[in-house]
Amino acid sequence: SQASNVLLAVDNAILTPALQNPIALGADI
């Protein structure tokens, strides 16, 4: 997504930040 200047949005409702942090992995949203 970054190579194409496109925003990456991740729905994290199933795991929540207690089990997964998409922003730390590179997600924008």
All heavy atoms as atom14 arrays in JSON, in Angstrom:
{
  "sequence": "SQASNVLLAVDNAILTPALQNPIALGADI",
  "atom14_mask": [
    [1, 1, 1, 1, 1, 1, 0, 0, 0, 0, 0, 0, 0, 0],
    [1, 1, 1, 1, 1, 1, 1, 1, 1, 0, 0, 0, 0, 0],
    [1, 1, 1, 1, 1, 0, 0, 0, 0, 0, 0, 0, 0, 0],
    [1, 1, 1, 1, 1, 1, 0, 0, 0, 0, 0, 0, 0, 0],
    [1, 1, 1, 1, 1, 1, 1, 1, 0, 0, 0, 0, 0, 0],
    [1, 1, 1, 1, 1, 1, 1, 0, 0, 0, 0, 0, 0, 0],
    [1, 1, 1, 1, 1, 1, 1, 1, 0, 0, 0, 0, 0, 0],
    [1, 1, 1, 1, 1, 1, 1, 1, 0, 0, 0, 0, 0, 0],
    [1, 1, 1, 1, 1, 0, 0, 0, 0, 0, 0, 0, 0, 0],
    [1, 1, 1, 1, 1, 1, 1, 0, 0, 0, 0, 0, 0, 0],
    [1, 1, 1, 1, 1, 1, 1, 1, 0, 0, 0, 0, 0, 0],
    [1, 1, 1, 1, 1, 1, 1, 1, 0, 0, 0, 0, 0, 0],
    [1, 1, 1, 1, 1, 0, 0, 0, 0, 0, 0, 0, 0, 0],
    [1, 1, 1, 1, 1, 1, 1, 1, 0, 0, 0, 0, 0, 0],
    [1, 1, 1, 1, 1, 1, 1, 1, 0, 0, 0, 0, 0, 0],
    [1, 1, 1, 1, 1, 1, 1, 0, 0, 0, 0, 0, 0, 0],
    [1, 1, 1, 1, 1, 1, 1, 0, 0, 0, 0, 0, 0, 0],
    [1, 1, 1, 1, 1, 0, 0, 0, 0, 0, 0, 0, 0, 0],
    [1, 1, 1, 1, 1, 1, 1, 1, 0, 0, 0, 0, 0, 0],
    [1, 1, 1, 1, 1, 1, 1, 1, 1, 0, 0, 0, 0, 0],
    [1, 1, 1, 1, 1, 1, 1, 1, 0, 0, 0, 0, 0, 0],
    [1, 1, 1, 1, 1, 1, 1, 0, 0, 0, 0, 0, 0, 0],
    [1, 1, 1, 1, 1, 1, 1, 1, 0, 0, 0, 0, 0, 0],
    [1, 1, 1, 1, 1, 0, 0, 0, 0, 0, 0, 0, 0, 0],
    [1, 1, 1, 1, 1, 1, 1, 1, 0, 0, 0, 0, 0, 0],
    [1, 1, 1, 1, 0, 0, 0, 0, 0, 0, 0, 0, 0, 0],
    [1, 1, 1, 1, 1, 0, 0, 0, 0, 0, 0, 0, 0, 0],
    [1, 1, 1, 1, 1, 1, 1, 1, 0, 0, 0, 0, 0, 0],
    [1, 1, 1, 1, 1, 1, 1, 1, 0, 0, 0, 0, 0, 0]
  ],
  "atom14_positions": [
    [[0.83, -1.21, 0.0], [0.0, 0.0, 0.0], [0.86, 1.25, 0.0], [0.56, 2.23, -0.7], [-0.94, -0.01, 1.21], [-0.24, 0.08, 2.42], [0.0, 0.0, 0.0], [0.0, 0.0, 0.0], [0.0, 0.0, 0.0], [0.0, 0.0, 0.0], [0.0, 0.0, 0.0], [0.0, 0.0, 0.0], [0.0, 0.0, 0.0], [0.0, 0.0, 0.0]],
    [[1.94, 1.25, 0.77], [2.82, 2.42, 0.84], [3.52, 2.69, -0.48], [3.71, 3.84, -0.88], [3.84, 2.24, 1.96], [3.24, 2.3, 3.36], [4.25, 2.03, 4.45], [5.45, 2.0, 4.2], [3.78, 1.8, 5.66], [0.0, 0.0, 0.0], [0.0, 0.0, 0.0], [0.0, 0.0, 0.0], [0.0, 0.0, 0.0], [0.0, 0.0, 0.0]],
    [[3.87, 1.63, -1.18], [4.54, 1.79, -2.47], [3.65, 2.46, -3.5], [4.13, 3.12, -4.42], [5.0, 0.43, -2.99], [0.0, 0.0, 0.0], [0.0, 0.0, 0.0], [0.0, 0.0, 0.0], [0.0, 0.0, 0.0], [0.0, 0.0, 0.0], [0.0, 0.0, 0.0], [0.0, 0.0, 0.0], [0.0, 0.0, 0.0], [0.0, 0.0, 0.0]],
    [[2.34, 2.32, -3.32], [1.37, 2.92, -4.24], [0.68, 4.14, -3.64], [-0.26, 4.67, -4.23], [0.32, 1.88, -4.66], [0.92, 0.79, -5.32], [0.0, 0.0, 0.0], [0.0, 0.0, 0.0], [0.0, 0.0, 0.0], [0.0, 0.0, 0.0], [0.0, 0.0, 0.0], [0.0, 0.0, 0.0], [0.0, 0.0, 0.0], [0.0, 0.0, 0.0]],
    [[1.12, 4.57, -2.45], [0.53, 5.71, -1.76], [-0.97, 5.52, -1.55], [-1.78, 6.42, -1.79], [0.79, 7.0, -2.56], [0.53, 8.25, -1.73], [0.69, 8.24, -0.51], [0.13, 9.32, -2.39], [0.0, 0.0, 0.0], [0.0, 0.0, 0.0], [0.0, 0.0, 0.0], [0.0, 0.0, 0.0], [0.0, 0.0, 0.0], [0.0, 0.0, 0.0]],
    [[-1.32, 4.33, -1.07], [-2.71, 3.97, -0.81], [-2.87, 3.72, 0.69], [-2.01, 3.11, 1.32], [-3.11, 2.7, -1.6], [-4.54, 2.28, -1.25], [-2.98, 2.95, -3.09], [0.0, 0.0, 0.0], [0.0, 0.0, 0.0], [0.0, 0.0, 0.0], [0.0, 0.0, 0.0], [0.0, 0.0, 0.0], [0.0, 0.0, 0.0], [0.0, 0.0, 0.0]],
    [[-3.97, 4.17, 1.26], [-4.22, 3.97, 2.69], [-4.66, 2.53, 2.97], [-5.43, 1.94, 2.2], [-5.3, 4.93, 3.18], [-4.95, 6.42, 3.17], [-6.18, 7.25, 3.53], [-3.81, 6.71, 4.15], [0.0, 0.0, 0.0], [0.0, 0.0, 0.0], [0.0, 0.0, 0.0], [0.0, 0.0, 0.0], [0.0, 0.0, 0.0], [0.0, 0.0, 0.0]],
    [[-4.16, 1.97, 4.06], [-4.51, 0.62, 4.48], [-5.35, 0.69, 5.75], [-4.89, 1.17, 6.79], [-3.25, -0.2, 4.73], [-3.43, -1.61, 5.34], [-4.32, -2.47, 4.45], [-2.08, -2.27, 5.57], [0.0, 0.0, 0.0], [0.0, 0.0, 0.0], [0.0, 0.0, 0.0], [0.0, 0.0, 0.0], [0.0, 0.0, 0.0], [0.0, 0.0, 0.0]],
    [[-6.59, 0.2, 5.66], [-7.52, 0.22, 6.79], [-7.82, -1.2, 7.23], [-8.24, -2.03, 6.42], [-8.81, 0.94, 6.42], [0.0, 0.0, 0.0], [0.0, 0.0, 0.0], [0.0, 0.0, 0.0], [0.0, 0.0, 0.0], [0.0, 0.0, 0.0], [0.0, 0.0, 0.0], [0.0, 0.0, 0.0], [0.0, 0.0, 0.0], [0.0, 0.0, 0.0]],
    [[-7.63, -1.48, 8.52], [-7.82, -2.83, 9.06], [-8.9, -2.82, 10.13], [-8.81, -2.06, 11.11], [-6.5, -3.37, 9.66], [-6.73, -4.74, 10.3], [-5.42, -3.46, 8.58], [0.0, 0.0, 0.0], [0.0, 0.0, 0.0], [0.0, 0.0, 0.0], [0.0, 0.0, 0.0], [0.0, 0.0, 0.0], [0.0, 0.0, 0.0], [0.0, 0.0, 0.0]],
    [[-9.91, -3.64, 9.94], [-10.93, -3.85, 10.97], [-10.34, -4.82, 12.0], [-10.03, -5.97, 11.68], [-12.18, -4.45, 10.32], [-13.35, -4.59, 11.29], [-13.1, -4.84, 12.48], [-14.5, -4.48, 10.85], [0.0, 0.0, 0.0], [0.0, 0.0, 0.0], [0.0, 0.0, 0.0], [0.0, 0.0, 0.0], [0.0, 0.0, 0.0], [0.0, 0.0, 0.0]],
    [[-10.19, -4.35, 13.24], [-9.53, -5.12, 14.3], [-10.52, -5.58, 15.37], [-10.12, -5.89, 16.49], [-8.42, -4.28, 14.94], [-7.42, -5.1, 15.74], [-7.16, -6.25, 15.43], [-6.84, -4.5, 16.76], [0.0, 0.0, 0.0], [0.0, 0.0, 0.0], [0.0, 0.0, 0.0], [0.0, 0.0, 0.0], [0.0, 0.0, 0.0], [0.0, 0.0, 0.0]],
    [[-11.81, -5.63, 15.01], [-12.83, -5.92, 16.01], [-12.73, -7.33, 16.58], [-13.05, -7.56, 17.75], [-14.23, -5.71, 15.42], [0.0, 0.0, 0.0], [0.0, 0.0, 0.0], [0.0, 0.0, 0.0], [0.0, 0.0, 0.0], [0.0, 0.0, 0.0], [0.0, 0.0, 0.0], [0.0, 0.0, 0.0], [0.0, 0.0, 0.0], [0.0, 0.0, 0.0]],
    [[-12.27, -8.29, 15.79], [-12.25, -9.68, 16.24], [-11.17, -9.93, 17.3], [-11.36, -10.73, 18.22], [-12.05, -10.63, 15.04], [-13.22, -10.5, 14.05], [-11.91, -12.08, 15.49], [-14.57, -10.84, 14.64], [0.0, 0.0, 0.0], [0.0, 0.0, 0.0], [0.0, 0.0, 0.0], [0.0, 0.0, 0.0], [0.0, 0.0, 0.0], [0.0, 0.0, 0.0]],
    [[-10.04, -9.24, 17.2], [-8.95, -9.46, 18.15], [-8.79, -8.34, 19.17], [-8.34, -8.59, 20.29], [-7.63, -9.67, 17.41], [-7.49, -10.97, 16.61], [-6.1, -11.07, 16.0], [-7.76, -12.19, 17.48], [0.0, 0.0, 0.0], [0.0, 0.0, 0.0], [0.0, 0.0, 0.0], [0.0, 0.0, 0.0], [0.0, 0.0, 0.0], [0.0, 0.0, 0.0]],
    [[-9.12, -7.12, 18.79], [-8.92, -5.92, 19.62], [-7.43, -5.66, 19.84], [-6.6, -6.54, 19.57], [-9.61, -6.04, 21.01], [-8.81, -6.82, 21.9], [-11.0, -6.62, 20.9], [0.0, 0.0, 0.0], [0.0, 0.0, 0.0], [0.0, 0.0, 0.0], [0.0, 0.0, 0.0], [0.0, 0.0, 0.0], [0.0, 0.0, 0.0], [0.0, 0.0, 0.0]],
    [[-7.07, -4.48, 20.36], [-5.64, -4.22, 20.6], [-5.02, -5.12, 21.66], [-3.8, -5.14, 21.8], [-5.64, -2.75, 21.05], [-7.02, -2.49, 21.54], [-7.91, -3.32, 20.67], [0.0, 0.0, 0.0], [0.0, 0.0, 0.0], [0.0, 0.0, 0.0], [0.0, 0.0, 0.0], [0.0, 0.0, 0.0], [0.0, 0.0, 0.0], [0.0, 0.0, 0.0]],
    [[-5.83, -5.85, 22.39], [-5.27, -6.78, 23.38], [-4.51, -7.92, 22.72], [-3.58, -8.48, 23.32], [-6.39, -7.34, 24.27], [0.0, 0.0, 0.0], [0.0, 0.0, 0.0], [0.0, 0.0, 0.0], [0.0, 0.0, 0.0], [0.0, 0.0, 0.0], [0.0, 0.0, 0.0], [0.0, 0.0, 0.0], [0.0, 0.0, 0.0], [0.0, 0.0, 0.0]],
    [[-4.88, -8.26, 21.47], [-4.25, -9.39, 20.79], [-3.58, -9.02, 19.48], [-2.83, -9.83, 18.93], [-5.3, -10.48, 20.52], [-6.02, -11.08, 21.73], [-6.99, -12.16, 21.29], [-5.03, -11.65, 22.73], [0.0, 0.0, 0.0], [0.0, 0.0, 0.0], [0.0, 0.0, 0.0], [0.0, 0.0, 0.0], [0.0, 0.0, 0.0], [0.0, 0.0, 0.0]],
    [[-3.82, -7.81, 18.97], [-3.22, -7.43, 17.69], [-3.18, -5.91, 17.56], [-4.14, -5.23, 17.92], [-4.03, -8.02, 16.52], [-3.53, -7.64, 15.14], [-4.29, -8.37, 14.04], [-3.84, -9.38, 13.51], [-5.48, -7.87, 13.7], [0.0, 0.0, 0.0], [0.0, 0.0, 0.0], [0.0, 0.0, 0.0], [0.0, 0.0, 0.0], [0.0, 0.0, 0.0]],
    [[-2.08, -5.39, 17.04], [-1.92, -3.94, 16.83], [-1.57, -3.65, 15.38], [-0.4, -3.58, 15.01], [-0.84, -3.38, 17.75], [-1.24, -3.44, 19.21], [-0.76, -4.28, 19.96], [-2.14, -2.57, 19.62], [0.0, 0.0, 0.0], [0.0, 0.0, 0.0], [0.0, 0.0, 0.0], [0.0, 0.0, 0.0], [0.0, 0.0, 0.0], [0.0, 0.0, 0.0]],
    [[-2.58, -3.48, 14.53], [-2.33, -3.26, 13.1], [-1.47, -2.04, 12.8], [-0.68, -2.06, 11.83], [-3.74, -3.09, 12.53], [-4.61, -3.87, 13.46], [-4.02, -3.63, 14.81], [0.0, 0.0, 0.0], [0.0, 0.0, 0.0], [0.0, 0.0, 0.0], [0.0, 0.0, 0.0], [0.0, 0.0, 0.0], [0.0, 0.0, 0.0], [0.0, 0.0, 0.0]],
    [[-1.59, -0.97, 13.58], [-0.79, 0.23, 13.31], [0.69, -0.06, 13.49], [1.53, 0.39, 12.7], [-1.26, 1.39, 14.21], [-2.63, 1.89, 13.72], [-0.25, 2.54, 14.21], [-3.24, 2.98, 14.56], [0.0, 0.0, 0.0], [0.0, 0.0, 0.0], [0.0, 0.0, 0.0], [0.0, 0.0, 0.0], [0.0, 0.0, 0.0], [0.0, 0.0, 0.0]],
    [[1.04, -0.84, 14.5], [2.44, -1.21, 14.71], [2.96, -2.07, 13.56], [4.18, -2.11, 13.31], [2.59, -1.97, 16.02], [0.0, 0.0, 0.0], [0.0, 0.0, 0.0], [0.0, 0.0, 0.0], [0.0, 0.0, 0.0], [0.0, 0.0, 0.0], [0.0, 0.0, 0.0], [0.0, 0.0, 0.0], [0.0, 0.0, 0.0], [0.0, 0.0, 0.0]],
    [[2.04, -2.72, 12.83], [2.42, -3.57, 11.7], [2.4, -2.81, 10.38], [2.7, -3.39, 9.34], [1.49, -4.78, 11.63], [1.56, -5.74, 12.82], [0.4, -6.72, 12.79], [2.88, -6.49, 12.81], [0.0, 0.0, 0.0], [0.0, 0.0, 0.0], [0.0, 0.0, 0.0], [0.0, 0.0, 0.0], [0.0, 0.0, 0.0], [0.0, 0.0, 0.0]],
    [[2.02, -1.52, 10.42], [2.06, -0.71, 9.23], [0.74, -0.22, 8.69], [0.7, 0.5, 7.69], [0.0, 0.0, 0.0], [0.0, 0.0, 0.0], [0.0, 0.0, 0.0], [0.0, 0.0, 0.0], [0.0, 0.0, 0.0], [0.0, 0.0, 0.0], [0.0, 0.0, 0.0], [0.0, 0.0, 0.0], [0.0, 0.0, 0.0], [0.0, 0.0, 0.0]],
    [[-0.37, -0.57, 9.33], [-1.67, -0.07, 8.87], [-1.79, 1.42, 9.14], [-1.25, 1.94, 10.12], [-2.8, -0.82, 9.56], [0.0, 0.0, 0.0], [0.0, 0.0, 0.0], [0.0, 0.0, 0.0], [0.0, 0.0, 0.0], [0.0, 0.0, 0.0], [0.0, 0.0, 0.0], [0.0, 0.0, 0.0], [0.0, 0.0, 0.0], [0.0, 0.0, 0.0]],
    [[-2.52, 2.11, 8.28], [-2.77, 3.55, 8.47], [-3.98, 3.8, 9.35], [-4.04, 4.81, 10.05], [-2.99, 4.22, 7.11], [-1.81, 4.07, 6.18], [-0.77, 4.68, 6.45], [-1.92, 3.31, 5.19], [0.0, 0.0, 0.0], [0.0, 0.0, 0.0], [0.0, 0.0, 0.0], [0.0, 0.0, 0.0], [0.0, 0.0, 0.0], [0.0, 0.0, 0.0]],
    [[-4.95, 2.9, 9.27], [-6.24, 3.1, 9.94], [-6.66, 1.8, 10.61], [-6.5, 0.72, 10.04], [-7.32, 3.52, 8.92], [-6.92, 4.81, 8.2], [-8.68, 3.67, 9.59], [-7.63, 5.0, 6.87], [0.0, 0.0, 0.0], [0.0, 0.0, 0.0], [0.0, 0.0, 0.0], [0.0, 0.0, 0.0], [0.0, 0.0, 0.0], [0.0, 0.0, 0.0]]
  ]
}
